[in-house]
Amino acid sequence: MKAIYITQAGGPEVLQYKDYHLPQLQQHEVQIAVRAAGVNRSDILTRNNPDAYGGDTPKAQIPGLEVAGEVLAVGEQVKGFKVGDAVCALVPGGGYATHSNVDARLCLPVPEGLSYTEAAALPEVVFTVWFNVFQQAKAKEGEGLLIHGGTSGIGVMGLQIAKALGLKTFTTVGSQEKLDFIEEHQLAKGINYKETAFEEAFKNDKIDVILDMVGGDYTQRNLELLNTKGRLIHINGMKSLTPQINLWTMMSKQLILSGSLLKPQPVEVKKRIAREVKEKVWPLLASGQVKPIIHKVFKLEEAAQAHQLMESSAHIGKIILENSAS
């Protein structure tokens, strides 16, 4: 068995492909042969600071928050899965490996018609979108949703799900190529934020929910754009984590400003997300209304190159690691 280890805090070069000994399978777990694992920006943060974790997340020596593969063994308490099943799963770390023991409560069947590579692109982004946009912000049919960074993994998936569920979608991207992608796939009304101020571009639109990963001076601009009783949800602060805001904007418009991290959420919260995702989103994937968009696939042992691409922000959709040994 092999895995990608974070050998120390640092750049992509600290990721090393090494021998891996799988822990003993617990009663509530399934063991899977990992065929593919998704790469997420959170993996970059973990690599930069391997000791930062929370909730029920173990210290991360092996990054990776989403996997897909074949069930090899099931724990005594596991119901609903059997050896040979094709599954994808949200994991609290350890996804960059050839094998993984996964909490069965956070496993979902690979959607009909999808490959392992496509399925590995789903758990982290779908759980994040569902938790923040639909559980936290309570977005509903007919409302307007703005997602900043619409060609990120979260952006592409979030816009598709929202549109399929009857929301009006809006987004910002950073290049003409990315804007062309948004328009070609009819994902949203989009703008290039390097050329146009989003608060001006969308000022005549009804924006009820904003999913933001930028922070900084976007925060007050988001608040000013939001409709009365709008909700601003933060999942990152890539520009700055310490914005200045005008509280009068919030009070006068009855706005809600919130945020969350998915990774440290307790299993019970993630289990509830999984249940709703299976009910609401999996049928959209099976019908083809929502599709995983994969930018590039690397071999597992090429994780460092995958991280370099992630950090460049040049990708559109997901970056995936495949286990070529499987």
Protein backbone atom coordinates (compact mmCIF):
# COMPACT_ATOMS: atom_id res chain seq x y z
CA MET A 1 0.00 0.00 0.00
CA LYS A 2 1.17 3.52 -0.83
CA ALA A 3 0.19 7.04 0.17
CA ILE A 4 1.26 10.66 -0.25
CA TYR A 5 2.70 11.96 3.01
CA ILE A 6 3.22 15.55 4.09
CA THR A 7 6.80 15.17 5.31
CA GLN A 8 6.92 18.69 6.76
CA ALA A 9 5.19 22.04 6.34
CA GLY A 10 6.09 23.63 3.05
CA GLY A 11 5.54 23.76 -0.70
CA PRO A 12 4.43 20.97 -3.05
CA GLU A 13 7.88 19.38 -2.83
CA VAL A 14 7.16 18.17 0.74
CA LEU A 15 4.61 15.67 -0.63
CA GLN A 16 6.28 12.26 -0.82
CA TYR A 17 4.97 8.94 -2.18
CA LYS A 18 5.73 6.37 0.54
CA ASP A 19 4.75 2.96 1.90
CA TYR A 20 1.53 3.01 3.91
CA HIS A 21 0.19 0.64 6.55
CA LEU A 22 -3.60 0.72 6.80
CA PRO A 23 -4.96 0.91 10.38
CA GLN A 24 -7.27 -1.81 11.68
CA LEU A 25 -10.79 -1.54 10.30
CA GLN A 26 -13.26 -0.17 12.86
CA GLN A 27 -16.80 -1.52 13.26
CA HIS A 28 -18.41 1.51 11.61
CA GLU A 29 -15.99 1.67 8.66
CA VAL A 30 -15.64 0.25 5.19
CA GLN A 31 -12.25 -0.40 3.63
CA ILE A 32 -11.95 0.70 0.04
CA ALA A 33 -9.38 0.35 -2.71
CA VAL A 34 -9.03 3.99 -3.71
CA ARG A 35 -9.27 4.41 -7.47
CA ALA A 36 -9.29 8.22 -7.41
CA ALA A 37 -9.06 11.13 -4.97
CA GLY A 38 -10.05 14.76 -5.36
CA VAL A 39 -7.66 17.66 -4.80
CA ASN A 40 -9.01 20.63 -2.87
CA ARG A 41 -7.65 24.00 -1.76
CA SER A 42 -8.00 22.82 1.81
CA ASP A 43 -5.27 20.27 1.02
CA ILE A 44 -2.94 23.18 0.28
CA LEU A 45 -3.71 24.74 3.67
CA THR A 46 -3.10 21.38 5.35
CA ARG A 47 0.23 20.99 3.57
CA ASN A 48 1.27 24.46 4.69
CA ASN A 49 0.27 23.74 8.30
CA PRO A 50 -0.14 19.98 8.93
CA ASP A 51 -0.88 20.49 12.65
CA ALA A 52 -3.96 22.66 12.06
CA TYR A 53 -7.12 20.63 12.52
CA GLY A 54 -10.36 20.63 14.49
CA GLY A 55 -13.45 18.63 15.44
CA ASP A 56 -13.01 14.91 14.86
CA THR A 57 -10.31 15.40 12.21
CA PRO A 58 -7.05 13.56 12.94
CA LYS A 59 -3.64 15.13 12.52
CA ALA A 60 -3.13 15.18 8.78
CA GLN A 61 -0.01 13.38 7.63
CA ILE A 62 -1.81 12.23 4.48
CA PRO A 63 -3.97 14.89 2.74
CA GLY A 64 -7.14 14.26 0.77
CA LEU A 65 -10.79 14.87 1.69
CA GLU A 66 -12.67 12.85 -0.95
CA VAL A 67 -12.17 9.46 -2.53
CA ALA A 68 -13.87 6.93 -4.78
CA GLY A 69 -13.22 3.23 -5.07
CA GLU A 70 -14.33 -0.33 -4.49
CA VAL A 71 -15.32 -1.73 -1.10
CA LEU A 72 -12.89 -4.43 0.04
CA ALA A 73 -14.24 -5.07 3.56
CA VAL A 74 -17.02 -3.89 5.87
CA GLY A 75 -17.05 -3.40 9.62
CA GLU A 76 -19.43 -5.35 11.85
CA GLN A 77 -21.82 -2.43 12.36
CA VAL A 78 -22.01 -1.37 8.71
CA LYS A 79 -25.34 -1.71 6.94
CA GLY A 80 -26.10 -0.75 3.36
CA PHE A 81 -22.73 -1.56 1.82
CA LYS A 82 -21.08 -4.83 0.83
CA VAL A 83 -17.80 -6.01 -0.62
CA GLY A 84 -17.55 -5.03 -4.28
CA ASP A 85 -19.74 -1.91 -4.06
CA ALA A 86 -18.59 1.19 -5.94
CA VAL A 87 -18.60 4.12 -3.51
CA CYS A 88 -17.34 7.64 -3.03
CA ALA A 89 -16.83 9.20 0.36
CA LEU A 90 -16.00 12.31 2.34
CA VAL A 91 -12.95 11.65 4.51
CA PRO A 92 -11.28 13.79 7.23
CA GLY A 93 -7.86 13.39 5.60
CA GLY A 94 -5.96 10.41 4.24
CA GLY A 95 -7.49 10.42 0.78
CA TYR A 96 -4.21 10.49 -1.15
CA ALA A 97 -3.64 6.76 -0.70
CA THR A 98 -4.15 3.46 -2.47
CA HIS A 99 -6.40 2.19 0.34
CA SER A 100 -8.53 3.89 2.96
CA ASN A 101 -10.76 3.01 5.90
CA VAL A 102 -13.81 5.25 5.62
CA ASP A 103 -16.71 5.99 7.95
CA ALA A 104 -19.61 4.21 6.24
CA ARG A 105 -21.99 7.00 7.28
CA LEU A 106 -20.13 9.33 4.93
CA CYS A 107 -20.11 6.94 1.96
CA LEU A 108 -22.43 7.25 -0.99
CA PRO A 109 -22.87 4.95 -3.98
CA VAL A 110 -21.12 6.10 -7.15
CA PRO A 111 -23.91 7.79 -9.13
CA GLU A 112 -25.23 5.78 -12.04
CA GLY A 113 -23.20 6.29 -15.21
CA LEU A 114 -20.20 7.94 -13.52
CA SER A 115 -16.63 6.64 -13.38
CA TYR A 116 -14.54 6.44 -10.22
CA THR A 117 -12.59 9.47 -11.44
CA GLU A 118 -15.77 11.50 -11.85
CA ALA A 119 -17.17 10.29 -8.52
CA ALA A 120 -14.01 11.39 -6.70
CA ALA A 121 -14.78 14.93 -7.84
CA LEU A 122 -18.03 15.01 -5.87
CA PRO A 123 -18.00 14.57 -2.07
CA GLU A 124 -16.07 17.60 -0.82
CA VAL A 125 -17.59 20.12 -3.21
CA VAL A 126 -21.15 18.76 -3.09
CA PHE A 127 -21.12 18.54 0.72
CA THR A 128 -19.68 22.07 0.96
CA VAL A 129 -22.27 23.54 -1.38
CA TRP A 130 -25.17 21.74 0.22
CA PHE A 131 -24.12 22.57 3.78
CA ASN A 132 -23.53 26.26 3.11
CA VAL A 133 -25.99 27.25 0.39
CA PHE A 134 -28.94 25.03 1.23
CA GLN A 135 -28.64 24.12 4.93
CA GLN A 136 -27.04 27.27 6.30
CA ALA A 137 -28.32 29.98 3.93
CA LYS A 138 -31.56 28.09 3.17
CA ALA A 139 -31.49 29.11 -0.50
CA LYS A 140 -34.68 28.22 -2.29
CA GLU A 141 -36.22 28.08 -5.75
CA GLY A 142 -36.59 31.48 -7.38
CA GLU A 143 -33.90 33.20 -5.32
CA GLY A 144 -30.73 34.70 -6.75
CA LEU A 145 -27.38 33.08 -5.85
CA LEU A 146 -23.97 34.63 -6.50
CA ILE A 147 -20.94 32.37 -6.21
CA HIS A 148 -17.57 34.06 -6.45
CA GLY A 149 -14.99 31.96 -8.30
CA GLY A 150 -17.50 30.21 -10.52
CA THR A 151 -14.95 27.99 -12.28
CA SER A 152 -13.48 26.55 -9.10
CA GLY A 153 -14.53 23.02 -8.17
CA ILE A 154 -17.06 24.41 -5.70
CA GLY A 155 -18.17 27.11 -8.11
CA VAL A 156 -18.85 24.82 -11.07
CA MET A 157 -20.73 22.30 -8.95
CA GLY A 158 -22.60 24.89 -6.91
CA LEU A 159 -23.86 26.77 -9.95
CA GLN A 160 -25.05 23.54 -11.58
CA ILE A 161 -26.91 22.33 -8.49
CA ALA A 162 -28.47 25.72 -7.84
CA LYS A 163 -29.62 26.12 -11.42
CA ALA A 164 -31.07 22.59 -11.48
CA LEU A 165 -33.03 23.38 -8.31
CA GLY A 166 -34.55 26.55 -9.76
CA LEU A 167 -32.30 29.32 -8.46
CA LYS A 168 -31.09 32.24 -10.60
CA THR A 169 -27.31 32.02 -10.76
CA PHE A 170 -24.58 34.67 -10.95
CA THR A 171 -20.80 34.42 -10.77
CA THR A 172 -17.45 36.16 -11.01
CA VAL A 173 -14.36 34.73 -12.74
CA GLY A 174 -10.86 36.02 -13.44
CA SER A 175 -10.28 35.53 -17.17
CA GLN A 176 -12.01 35.61 -20.53
CA GLU A 177 -11.38 31.87 -20.92
CA LYS A 178 -13.24 31.20 -17.69
CA LEU A 179 -16.04 33.56 -18.64
CA ASP A 180 -16.38 31.78 -21.98
CA PHE A 181 -16.70 28.48 -20.10
CA ILE A 182 -19.49 29.86 -17.89
CA GLU A 183 -21.35 31.20 -20.92
CA GLU A 184 -20.79 28.09 -23.05
CA HIS A 185 -22.30 25.87 -20.35
CA GLN A 186 -24.99 28.44 -19.48
CA LEU A 187 -24.11 28.15 -15.80
CA ALA A 188 -24.82 31.72 -14.75
CA LYS A 189 -24.80 35.39 -15.60
CA GLY A 190 -21.08 36.02 -15.24
CA ILE A 191 -18.49 38.80 -15.28
CA ASN A 192 -14.72 39.04 -15.31
CA TYR A 193 -14.02 40.70 -11.95
CA LYS A 194 -10.70 42.05 -13.26
CA GLU A 195 -12.59 44.17 -15.78
CA THR A 196 -15.96 44.83 -14.12
CA ALA A 197 -16.99 45.55 -10.53
CA PHE A 198 -19.47 42.84 -9.56
CA GLU A 199 -21.55 45.15 -7.37
CA GLU A 200 -22.14 47.35 -10.44
CA ALA A 201 -22.71 44.46 -12.86
CA PHE A 202 -25.35 42.83 -10.68
CA LYS A 203 -26.89 45.88 -8.99
CA ASN A 204 -30.17 45.52 -10.89
CA ASP A 205 -30.42 41.80 -10.15
CA LYS A 206 -32.01 40.31 -7.06
CA ILE A 207 -29.18 38.60 -5.15
CA ASP A 208 -30.46 36.77 -2.06
CA VAL A 209 -27.48 34.54 -1.22
CA ILE A 210 -23.75 35.00 -1.82
CA LEU A 211 -21.19 32.20 -1.36
CA ASP A 212 -17.83 33.89 -0.91
CA MET A 213 -14.30 32.52 -0.63
CA VAL A 214 -12.52 35.84 -1.16
CA GLY A 215 -13.17 37.95 1.93
CA GLY A 216 -11.28 41.22 2.29
CA ASP A 217 -12.91 44.21 0.60
CA TYR A 218 -15.40 41.89 -1.11
CA THR A 219 -17.25 41.61 2.19
CA GLN A 220 -18.75 45.10 2.38
CA ARG A 221 -19.37 45.07 -1.38
CA ASN A 222 -21.26 41.78 -0.97
CA LEU A 223 -23.37 43.24 1.81
CA GLU A 224 -24.25 46.29 -0.28
CA LEU A 225 -25.29 44.07 -3.20
CA LEU A 226 -27.49 41.70 -1.24
CA ASN A 227 -31.25 41.98 -1.34
CA THR A 228 -33.17 42.69 1.89
CA LYS A 229 -32.90 39.68 4.24
CA GLY A 230 -30.03 38.35 2.14
CA ARG A 231 -27.43 35.90 3.40
CA LEU A 232 -23.66 36.14 2.96
CA ILE A 233 -21.82 32.86 3.60
CA HIS A 234 -18.02 32.67 3.83
CA ILE A 235 -16.05 29.47 3.24
CA ASN A 236 -12.62 31.08 2.90
CA GLY A 237 -10.87 34.44 3.00
CA MET A 238 -8.27 34.17 0.27
CA LYS A 239 -7.91 37.96 0.04
CA SER A 240 -8.14 38.71 3.75
CA LEU A 241 -9.71 37.22 6.88
CA THR A 242 -10.04 40.61 8.59
CA PRO A 243 -12.42 42.76 6.52
CA GLN A 244 -14.00 46.04 7.59
CA ILE A 245 -17.77 46.27 7.27
CA ASN A 246 -20.46 48.86 7.89
CA LEU A 247 -22.88 47.40 10.41
CA TRP A 248 -25.58 49.81 9.26
CA THR A 249 -25.69 47.96 5.94
CA MET A 250 -26.42 44.73 7.80
CA MET A 251 -28.95 46.21 10.19
CA SER A 252 -30.90 48.32 7.70
CA LYS A 253 -31.24 45.41 5.24
CA GLN A 254 -31.68 42.67 7.89
CA LEU A 255 -28.77 40.71 6.46
CA ILE A 256 -27.18 37.55 7.82
CA LEU A 257 -23.40 37.17 7.64
CA SER A 258 -22.16 33.69 8.40
CA GLY A 259 -19.45 31.20 7.54
CA SER A 260 -18.31 27.66 8.14
CA LEU A 261 -15.59 25.07 7.73
CA LEU A 262 -16.75 21.64 6.59
CA LYS A 263 -13.64 19.71 7.59
CA PRO A 264 -13.98 20.02 11.41
CA GLN A 265 -17.74 19.42 11.50
CA PRO A 266 -18.74 16.43 13.66
CA VAL A 267 -19.74 13.22 11.91
CA GLU A 268 -23.40 13.69 12.82
CA VAL A 269 -23.51 16.96 10.85
CA LYS A 270 -21.78 15.37 7.86
CA LYS A 271 -24.11 12.36 8.08
CA ARG A 272 -27.11 14.68 7.77
CA ILE A 273 -25.53 16.38 4.77
CA ALA A 274 -24.88 12.98 3.17
CA ARG A 275 -28.49 11.93 3.63
CA GLU A 276 -29.86 15.08 1.99
CA VAL A 277 -27.27 15.02 -0.81
CA LYS A 278 -28.23 11.46 -1.70
CA GLU A 279 -31.89 12.45 -1.80
CA LYS A 280 -31.61 15.82 -3.58
CA VAL A 281 -28.39 15.88 -5.61
CA TRP A 282 -27.67 12.25 -6.60
CA PRO A 283 -30.78 12.10 -8.85
CA LEU A 284 -29.52 15.24 -10.66
CA LEU A 285 -26.22 13.48 -11.34
CA ALA A 286 -27.92 10.28 -12.49
CA SER A 287 -30.12 12.26 -14.90
CA GLY A 288 -27.21 14.28 -16.28
CA GLN A 289 -28.59 17.64 -15.12
CA VAL A 290 -25.45 18.04 -13.02
CA LYS A 291 -22.06 16.76 -14.18
CA PRO A 292 -18.62 16.70 -12.59
CA ILE A 293 -16.24 18.90 -14.57
CA ILE A 294 -12.66 17.62 -14.42
CA HIS A 295 -9.82 19.88 -15.52
CA LYS A 296 -6.90 17.47 -15.26
CA VAL A 297 -6.06 14.02 -13.90
CA PHE A 298 -2.68 13.21 -12.34
CA LYS A 299 -1.25 9.95 -11.08
CA LEU A 300 -1.29 9.62 -7.30
CA GLU A 301 2.49 9.89 -7.18
CA GLU A 302 2.21 13.21 -9.05
CA ALA A 303 0.42 14.95 -6.19
CA ALA A 304 3.04 17.72 -6.05
CA GLN A 305 2.28 18.70 -9.67
CA ALA A 306 -1.45 18.63 -8.88
CA HIS A 307 -0.87 21.04 -5.99
CA GLN A 308 1.14 23.35 -8.23
CA LEU A 309 -1.80 23.53 -10.63
CA MET A 310 -4.26 24.13 -7.78
CA GLU A 311 -2.15 26.99 -6.45
CA SER A 312 -1.96 28.59 -9.90
CA SER A 313 -5.79 28.90 -10.02
CA ALA A 314 -5.57 28.22 -13.75
CA HIS A 315 -7.93 25.25 -13.60
CA ILE A 316 -11.61 25.07 -14.47
CA GLY A 317 -13.40 22.45 -12.38
CA LYS A 318 -11.73 19.67 -10.43
CA ILE A 319 -8.21 18.28 -10.22
CA ILE A 320 -8.08 14.53 -9.61
CA LEU A 321 -5.44 12.00 -8.55
CA GLU A 322 -5.79 8.49 -9.97
CA ASN A 323 -4.30 5.39 -8.40
CA SER A 324 -2.57 3.81 -11.37
CA ALA A 325 -1.70 0.73 -9.29
CA SER A 326 -5.36 -0.27 -8.87
